[in-house]
Amino acid sequence: MTKMRKITAFVPTDLLEVAQDYTGAGVTETLRIALEKLAHQRFYDRMREMRGKMKFDISLDELRKDREFDERGNVIDRG
């Protein structure tokens, strides 16, 4: 289980209400979702900074060899 930490925070009521309306969840779950999104955004920002700076020895077609795709290009899950 993930280590948890209890916090007390002051947040704008209207902002929390909008966020809870969006998630359909309680305060704790809404805040967890928001924090996860921030963590993911940081990762995506770092990946964007690296764009074009790495060379790969394998082509996209080679990576796709072991997968099947439907008519729209989506991976067909056979698992």
PDB file of N, CA and C in Angstrom:
ATOM      1  N   MET A   1       0.844  -1.187   0.000  1.00  0.00           N
ATOM      2  CA  MET A   1       0.000   0.000   0.000  1.00  0.00           C
ATOM      3  C   MET A   1       0.885   1.245   0.000  1.00  0.00           C
ATOM      4  N   THR A   2       0.441   2.282  -0.685  1.00  0.00           N
ATOM      5  CA  THR A   2       1.166   3.532  -0.747  1.00  0.00           C
ATOM      6  C   THR A   2       1.133   4.215   0.612  1.00  0.00           C
ATOM      7  N   LYS A   3       2.255   4.772   0.993  1.00  0.00           N
ATOM      8  CA  LYS A   3       2.327   5.514   2.247  1.00  0.00           C
ATOM      9  C   LYS A   3       1.442   6.754   2.129  1.00  0.00           C
ATOM     10  N   MET A   4       0.649   7.019   3.134  1.00  0.00           N
ATOM     11  CA  MET A   4      -0.292   8.142   3.104  1.00  0.00           C
ATOM     12  C   MET A   4       0.154   9.221   4.088  1.00  0.00           C
ATOM     13  N   ARG A   5      -0.273  10.436   3.817  1.00  0.00           N
ATOM     14  CA  ARG A   5       0.035  11.561   4.693  1.00  0.00           C
ATOM     15  C   ARG A   5      -1.226  12.389   4.850  1.00  0.00           C
ATOM     16  N   LYS A   6      -1.605  12.662   6.080  1.00  0.00           N
ATOM     17  CA  LYS A   6      -2.779  13.492   6.340  1.00  0.00           C
ATOM     18  C   LYS A   6      -2.342  14.950   6.325  1.00  0.00           C
ATOM     19  N   ILE A   7      -3.120  15.792   5.609  1.00  0.00           N
ATOM     20  CA  ILE A   7      -2.774  17.205   5.504  1.00  0.00           C
ATOM     21  C   ILE A   7      -3.986  18.065   5.823  1.00  0.00           C
ATOM     22  N   THR A   8      -3.720  19.310   6.147  1.00  0.00           N
ATOM     23  CA  THR A   8      -4.752  20.323   6.269  1.00  0.00           C
ATOM     24  C   THR A   8      -4.407  21.388   5.242  1.00  0.00           C
ATOM     25  N   ALA A   9      -5.356  21.734   4.419  1.00  0.00           N
ATOM     26  CA  ALA A   9      -5.086  22.716   3.372  1.00  0.00           C
ATOM     27  C   ALA A   9      -6.272  23.650   3.223  1.00  0.00           C
ATOM     28  N   PHE A  10      -5.981  24.907   2.940  1.00  0.00           N
ATOM     29  CA  PHE A  10      -7.021  25.880   2.651  1.00  0.00           C
ATOM     30  C   PHE A  10      -7.078  26.052   1.138  1.00  0.00           C
ATOM     31  N   VAL A  11      -8.236  25.743   0.560  1.00  0.00           N
ATOM     32  CA  VAL A  11      -8.422  25.873  -0.887  1.00  0.00           C
ATOM     33  C   VAL A  11      -9.666  26.702  -1.146  1.00  0.00           C
ATOM     34  N   PRO A  12      -9.690  27.415  -2.252  1.00  0.00           N
ATOM     35  CA  PRO A  12     -10.883  28.196  -2.589  1.00  0.00           C
ATOM     36  C   PRO A  12     -12.098  27.275  -2.760  1.00  0.00           C
ATOM     37  N   THR A  13     -13.183  27.609  -2.089  1.00  0.00           N
ATOM     38  CA  THR A  13     -14.390  26.789  -2.106  1.00  0.00           C
ATOM     39  C   THR A  13     -14.903  26.567  -3.526  1.00  0.00           C
ATOM     40  N   ASP A  14     -14.962  27.643  -4.321  1.00  0.00           N
ATOM     41  CA  ASP A  14     -15.494  27.508  -5.679  1.00  0.00           C
ATOM     42  C   ASP A  14     -14.627  26.608  -6.540  1.00  0.00           C
ATOM     43  N   LEU A  15     -13.306  26.684  -6.367  1.00  0.00           N
ATOM     44  CA  LEU A  15     -12.394  25.832  -7.130  1.00  0.00           C
ATOM     45  C   LEU A  15     -12.585  24.364  -6.756  1.00  0.00           C
ATOM     46  N   LEU A  16     -12.715  24.094  -5.473  1.00  0.00           N
ATOM     47  CA  LEU A  16     -12.935  22.722  -5.021  1.00  0.00           C
ATOM     48  C   LEU A  16     -14.269  22.181  -5.531  1.00  0.00           C
ATOM     49  N   GLU A  17     -15.305  23.011  -5.501  1.00  0.00           N
ATOM     50  CA  GLU A  17     -16.622  22.574  -5.981  1.00  0.00           C
ATOM     51  C   GLU A  17     -16.588  22.238  -7.470  1.00  0.00           C
ATOM     52  N   VAL A  18     -15.923  23.068  -8.256  1.00  0.00           N
ATOM     53  CA  VAL A  18     -15.807  22.807  -9.702  1.00  0.00           C
ATOM     54  C   VAL A  18     -15.056  21.501  -9.934  1.00  0.00           C
ATOM     55  N   ALA A  19     -13.968  21.308  -9.187  1.00  0.00           N
ATOM     56  CA  ALA A  19     -13.174  20.092  -9.343  1.00  0.00           C
ATOM     57  C   ALA A  19     -13.974  18.857  -8.937  1.00  0.00           C
ATOM     58  N   GLN A  20     -14.726  18.950  -7.849  1.00  0.00           N
ATOM     59  CA  GLN A  20     -15.535  17.816  -7.405  1.00  0.00           C
ATOM     60  C   GLN A  20     -16.672  17.533  -8.378  1.00  0.00           C
ATOM     61  N   ASP A  21     -17.257  18.566  -8.955  1.00  0.00           N
ATOM     62  CA  ASP A  21     -18.281  18.346  -9.979  1.00  0.00           C
ATOM     63  C   ASP A  21     -17.688  17.592 -11.159  1.00  0.00           C
ATOM     64  N   TYR A  22     -16.471  17.926 -11.519  1.00  0.00           N
ATOM     65  CA  TYR A  22     -15.806  17.287 -12.654  1.00  0.00           C
ATOM     66  C   TYR A  22     -15.496  15.829 -12.357  1.00  0.00           C
ATOM     67  N   THR A  23     -14.939  15.542 -11.161  1.00  0.00           N
ATOM     68  CA  THR A  23     -14.542  14.176 -10.840  1.00  0.00           C
ATOM     69  C   THR A  23     -15.708  13.324 -10.360  1.00  0.00           C
ATOM     70  N   GLY A  24     -16.713  13.969  -9.788  1.00  0.00           N
ATOM     71  CA  GLY A  24     -17.817  13.221  -9.195  1.00  0.00           C
ATOM     72  C   GLY A  24     -17.395  12.502  -7.929  1.00  0.00           C
ATOM     73  N   ALA A  25     -16.305  12.959  -7.326  1.00  0.00           N
ATOM     74  CA  ALA A  25     -15.740  12.295  -6.153  1.00  0.00           C
ATOM     75  C   ALA A  25     -15.691  13.248  -4.969  1.00  0.00           C
ATOM     76  N   GLY A  26     -15.320  12.694  -3.831  1.00  0.00           N
ATOM     77  CA  GLY A  26     -15.179  13.487  -2.617  1.00  0.00           C
ATOM     78  C   GLY A  26     -13.910  14.318  -2.629  1.00  0.00           C
ATOM     79  N   VAL A  27     -13.697  15.038  -1.550  1.00  0.00           N
ATOM     80  CA  VAL A  27     -12.552  15.942  -1.451  1.00  0.00           C
ATOM     81  C   VAL A  27     -11.230  15.187  -1.577  1.00  0.00           C
ATOM     82  N   THR A  28     -11.049  14.131  -0.806  1.00  0.00           N
ATOM     83  CA  THR A  28      -9.779  13.402  -0.815  1.00  0.00           C
ATOM     84  C   THR A  28      -9.467  12.846  -2.194  1.00  0.00           C
ATOM     85  N   GLU A  29     -10.440  12.190  -2.813  1.00  0.00           N
ATOM     86  CA  GLU A  29     -10.215  11.591  -4.132  1.00  0.00           C
ATOM     87  C   GLU A  29      -9.964  12.669  -5.182  1.00  0.00           C
ATOM     88  N   THR A  30     -10.680  13.789  -5.105  1.00  0.00           N
ATOM     89  CA  THR A  30     -10.491  14.882  -6.049  1.00  0.00           C
ATOM     90  C   THR A  30      -9.084  15.453  -5.936  1.00  0.00           C
ATOM     91  N   LEU A  31      -8.614  15.655  -4.720  1.00  0.00           N
ATOM     92  CA  LEU A  31      -7.255  16.165  -4.525  1.00  0.00           C
ATOM     93  C   LEU A  31      -6.213  15.162  -4.997  1.00  0.00           C
ATOM     94  N   ARG A  32      -6.448  13.867  -4.768  1.00  0.00           N
ATOM     95  CA  ARG A  32      -5.516  12.839  -5.234  1.00  0.00           C
ATOM     96  C   ARG A  32      -5.414  12.861  -6.760  1.00  0.00           C
ATOM     97  N   ILE A  33      -6.558  12.967  -7.417  1.00  0.00           N
ATOM     98  CA  ILE A  33      -6.583  13.013  -8.885  1.00  0.00           C
ATOM     99  C   ILE A  33      -5.809  14.233  -9.388  1.00  0.00           C
ATOM    100  N   ALA A  34      -6.035  15.378  -8.754  1.00  0.00           N
ATOM    101  CA  ALA A  34      -5.346  16.605  -9.163  1.00  0.00           C
ATOM    102  C   ALA A  34      -3.839  16.476  -8.990  1.00  0.00           C
ATOM    103  N   LEU A  35      -3.400  15.908  -7.871  1.00  0.00           N
ATOM    104  CA  LEU A  35      -1.965  15.743  -7.627  1.00  0.00           C
ATOM    105  C   LEU A  35      -1.346  14.757  -8.617  1.00  0.00           C
ATOM    106  N   GLU A  36      -2.074  13.687  -8.943  1.00  0.00           N
ATOM    107  CA  GLU A  36      -1.573  12.737  -9.943  1.00  0.00           C
ATOM    108  C   GLU A  36      -1.433  13.409 -11.303  1.00  0.00           C
ATOM    109  N   LYS A  37      -2.408  14.233 -11.680  1.00  0.00           N
ATOM    110  CA  LYS A  37      -2.333  14.932 -12.961  1.00  0.00           C
ATOM    111  C   LYS A  37      -1.127  15.863 -13.013  1.00  0.00           C
ATOM    112  N   LEU A  38      -0.825  16.539 -11.905  1.00  0.00           N
ATOM    113  CA  LEU A  38       0.353  17.399 -11.860  1.00  0.00           C
ATOM    114  C   LEU A  38       1.634  16.585 -12.014  1.00  0.00           C
ATOM    115  N   ALA A  39       1.702  15.457 -11.339  1.00  0.00           N
ATOM    116  CA  ALA A  39       2.883  14.593 -11.449  1.00  0.00           C
ATOM    117  C   ALA A  39       3.045  14.094 -12.875  1.00  0.00           C
ATOM    118  N   HIS A  40       1.958  13.696 -13.512  1.00  0.00           N
ATOM    119  CA  HIS A  40       2.019  13.219 -14.899  1.00  0.00           C
ATOM    120  C   HIS A  40       2.422  14.344 -15.839  1.00  0.00           C
ATOM    121  N   GLN A  41       1.908  15.543 -15.584  1.00  0.00           N
ATOM    122  CA  GLN A  41       2.232  16.679 -16.444  1.00  0.00           C
ATOM    123  C   GLN A  41       3.725  16.971 -16.407  1.00  0.00           C
ATOM    124  N   ARG A  42       4.321  16.860 -15.239  1.00  0.00           N
ATOM    125  CA  ARG A  42       5.765  17.080 -15.124  1.00  0.00           C
ATOM    126  C   ARG A  42       6.531  16.076 -15.991  1.00  0.00           C
ATOM    127  N   PHE A  43       6.102  14.818 -15.952  1.00  0.00           N
ATOM    128  CA  PHE A  43       6.726  13.784 -16.783  1.00  0.00           C
ATOM    129  C   PHE A  43       6.590  14.139 -18.266  1.00  0.00           C
ATOM    130  N   TYR A  44       5.374  14.532 -18.693  1.00  0.00           N
ATOM    131  CA  TYR A  44       5.151  14.871 -20.100  1.00  0.00           C
ATOM    132  C   TYR A  44       5.999  16.068 -20.515  1.00  0.00           C
ATOM    133  N   ASP A  45       6.133  17.057 -19.642  1.00  0.00           N
ATOM    134  CA  ASP A  45       6.966  18.223 -19.942  1.00  0.00           C
ATOM    135  C   ASP A  45       8.420  17.808 -20.162  1.00  0.00           C
ATOM    136  N   ARG A  46       8.922  16.907 -19.317  1.00  0.00           N
ATOM    137  CA  ARG A  46      10.292  16.425 -19.470  1.00  0.00           C
ATOM    138  C   ARG A  46      10.466  15.660 -20.777  1.00  0.00           C
ATOM    139  N   MET A  47       9.483  14.861 -21.139  1.00  0.00           N
ATOM    140  CA  MET A  47       9.560  14.107 -22.386  1.00  0.00           C
ATOM    141  C   MET A  47       9.577  15.054 -23.584  1.00  0.00           C
ATOM    142  N   ARG A  48       8.763  16.110 -23.525  1.00  0.00           N
ATOM    143  CA  ARG A  48       8.739  17.086 -24.615  1.00  0.00           C
ATOM    144  C   ARG A  48      10.087  17.797 -24.753  1.00  0.00           C
ATOM    145  N   GLU A  49      10.743  18.068 -23.626  1.00  0.00           N
ATOM    146  CA  GLU A  49      12.058  18.707 -23.663  1.00  0.00           C
ATOM    147  C   GLU A  49      13.080  17.814 -24.378  1.00  0.00           C
ATOM    148  N   MET A  50      12.898  16.511 -24.285  1.00  0.00           N
ATOM    149  CA  MET A  50      13.831  15.560 -24.893  1.00  0.00           C
ATOM    150  C   MET A  50      13.523  15.288 -26.352  1.00  0.00           C
ATOM    151  N   ARG A  51      12.414  15.777 -26.853  1.00  0.00           N
ATOM    152  CA  ARG A  51      12.001  15.496 -28.232  1.00  0.00           C
ATOM    153  C   ARG A  51      13.101  15.879 -29.225  1.00  0.00           C
ATOM    154  N   GLY A  52      13.462  14.930 -30.061  1.00  0.00           N
ATOM    155  CA  GLY A  52      14.468  15.160 -31.083  1.00  0.00           C
ATOM    156  C   GLY A  52      15.899  15.056 -30.588  1.00  0.00           C
ATOM    157  N   LYS A  53      16.091  14.757 -29.303  1.00  0.00           N
ATOM    158  CA  LYS A  53      17.441  14.701 -28.749  1.00  0.00           C
ATOM    159  C   LYS A  53      17.957  13.286 -28.578  1.00  0.00           C
ATOM    160  N   MET A  54      17.141  12.298 -28.898  1.00  0.00           N
ATOM    161  CA  MET A  54      17.557  10.911 -28.738  1.00  0.00           C
ATOM    162  C   MET A  54      17.444  10.195 -30.073  1.00  0.00           C
ATOM    163  N   LYS A  55      18.412   9.357 -30.361  1.00  0.00           N
ATOM    164  CA  LYS A  55      18.379   8.558 -31.584  1.00  0.00           C
ATOM    165  C   LYS A  55      18.035   7.130 -31.220  1.00  0.00           C
ATOM    166  N   PHE A  56      17.191   6.503 -32.032  1.00  0.00           N
ATOM    167  CA  PHE A  56      16.786   5.130 -31.816  1.00  0.00           C
ATOM    168  C   PHE A  56      17.292   4.272 -32.969  1.00  0.00           C
ATOM    169  N   ASP A  57      17.704   3.063 -32.639  1.00  0.00           N
ATOM    170  CA  ASP A  57      18.225   2.141 -33.650  1.00  0.00           C
ATOM    171  C   ASP A  57      17.135   1.259 -34.247  1.00  0.00           C
ATOM    172  N   ILE A  58      15.906   1.450 -33.838  1.00  0.00           N
ATOM    173  CA  ILE A  58      14.812   0.608 -34.312  1.00  0.00           C
ATOM    174  C   ILE A  58      13.738   1.513 -34.917  1.00  0.00           C
ATOM    175  N   SER A  59      13.134   1.049 -35.974  1.00  0.00           N
ATOM    176  CA  SER A  59      12.117   1.861 -36.643  1.00  0.00           C
ATOM    177  C   SER A  59      10.746   1.605 -36.018  1.00  0.00           C
ATOM    178  N   LEU A  60       9.839   2.506 -36.259  1.00  0.00           N
ATOM    179  CA  LEU A  60       8.476   2.359 -35.763  1.00  0.00           C
ATOM    180  C   LEU A  60       7.817   1.115 -36.353  1.00  0.00           C
ATOM    181  N   ASP A  61       8.086   0.835 -37.600  1.00  0.00           N
ATOM    182  CA  ASP A  61       7.523  -0.371 -38.229  1.00  0.00           C
ATOM    183  C   ASP A  61       8.017  -1.641 -37.542  1.00  0.00           C
ATOM    184  N   GLU A  62       9.286  -1.674 -37.144  1.00  0.00           N
ATOM    185  CA  GLU A  62       9.816  -2.844 -36.436  1.00  0.00           C
ATOM    186  C   GLU A  62       9.145  -3.005 -35.079  1.00  0.00           C
ATOM    187  N   LEU A  63       8.905  -1.902 -34.396  1.00  0.00           N
ATOM    188  CA  LEU A  63       8.238  -1.965 -33.100  1.00  0.00           C
ATOM    189  C   LEU A  63       6.824  -2.509 -33.216  1.00  0.00           C
ATOM    190  N   ARG A  64       6.197  -2.272 -34.348  1.00  0.00           N
ATOM    191  CA  ARG A  64       4.808  -2.678 -34.548  1.00  0.00           C
ATOM    192  C   ARG A  64       4.655  -4.102 -35.070  1.00  0.00           C
ATOM    193  N   LYS A  65       5.732  -4.775 -35.400  1.00  0.00           N
ATOM    194  CA  LYS A  65       5.654  -6.100 -36.017  1.00  0.00           C
ATOM    195  C   LYS A  65       4.876  -7.109 -35.189  1.00  0.00           C
ATOM    196  N   ASP A  66       4.975  -7.059 -33.882  1.00  0.00           N
ATOM    197  CA  ASP A  66       4.325  -8.062 -33.036  1.00  0.00           C
ATOM    198  C   ASP A  66       2.896  -7.676 -32.647  1.00  0.00           C
ATOM    199  N   ARG A  67       2.335  -6.667 -33.289  1.00  0.00           N
ATOM    200  CA  ARG A  67       0.984  -6.221 -32.954  1.00  0.00           C
ATOM    201  C   ARG A  67       0.066  -6.281 -34.165  1.00  0.00           C
ATOM    202  N   GLU A  68      -1.222  -6.430 -33.876  1.00  0.00           N
ATOM    203  CA  GLU A  68      -2.223  -6.384 -34.941  1.00  0.00           C
ATOM    204  C   GLU A  68      -3.035  -5.106 -34.768  1.00  0.00           C
ATOM    205  N   PHE A  69      -3.429  -4.525 -35.902  1.00  0.00           N
ATOM    206  CA  PHE A  69      -4.155  -3.269 -35.878  1.00  0.00           C
ATOM    207  C   PHE A  69      -5.489  -3.413 -36.607  1.00  0.00           C
ATOM    208  N   ASP A  70      -6.492  -2.654 -36.143  1.00  0.00           N
ATOM    209  CA  ASP A  70      -7.774  -2.641 -36.843  1.00  0.00           C
ATOM    210  C   ASP A  70      -7.722  -1.623 -37.977  1.00  0.00           C
ATOM    211  N   GLU A  71      -8.856  -1.425 -38.672  1.00  0.00           N
ATOM    212  CA  GLU A  71      -8.888  -0.544 -39.826  1.00  0.00           C
ATOM    213  C   GLU A  71      -8.604   0.933 -39.478  1.00  0.00           C
ATOM    214  N   ARG A  72      -8.761   1.307 -38.206  1.00  0.00           N
ATOM    215  CA  ARG A  72      -8.485   2.684 -37.787  1.00  0.00           C
ATOM    216  C   ARG A  72      -7.083   2.866 -37.207  1.00  0.00           C
ATOM    217  N   GLY A  73      -6.302   1.792 -37.172  1.00  0.00           N
ATOM    218  CA  GLY A  73      -4.951   1.883 -36.648  1.00  0.00           C
ATOM    219  C   GLY A  73      -4.822   1.623 -35.159  1.00  0.00           C
ATOM    220  N   ASN A  74      -5.919   1.197 -34.520  1.00  0.00           N
ATOM    221  CA  ASN A  74      -5.879   0.873 -33.104  1.00  0.00           C
ATOM    222  C   ASN A  74      -5.353  -0.537 -32.894  1.00  0.00           C
ATOM    223  N   VAL A  75      -4.595  -0.733 -31.821  1.00  0.00           N
ATOM    224  CA  VAL A  75      -4.046  -2.052 -31.501  1.00  0.00           C
ATOM    225  C   VAL A  75      -5.185  -2.983 -31.105  1.00  0.00           C
ATOM    226  N   ILE A  76      -5.179  -4.176 -31.677  1.00  0.00           N
ATOM    227  CA  ILE A  76      -6.170  -5.204 -31.336  1.00  0.00           C
ATOM    228  C   ILE A  76      -5.608  -5.997 -30.163  1.00  0.00           C
ATOM    229  N   ASP A  77      -6.339  -6.000 -29.047  1.00  0.00           N
ATOM    230  CA  ASP A  77      -5.893  -6.682 -27.832  1.00  0.00           C
ATOM    231  C   ASP A  77      -6.334  -8.133 -27.896  1.00  0.00           C
ATOM    232  N   ARG A  78      -5.398  -9.054 -27.980  1.00  0.00           N
ATOM    233  CA  ARG A  78      -5.697 -10.482 -28.051  1.00  0.00           C
ATOM    234  C   ARG A  78      -5.495 -11.169 -26.693  1.00  0.00           C
ATOM    235  N   GLY A  79      -5.233 -10.367 -25.644  1.00  0.00           N
ATOM    236  CA  GLY A  79      -4.950 -10.933 -24.337  1.00  0.00           C
ATOM    237  C   GLY A  79      -6.147 -11.102 -23.535  1.00  0.00           C
TER     238      GLY A  79
END
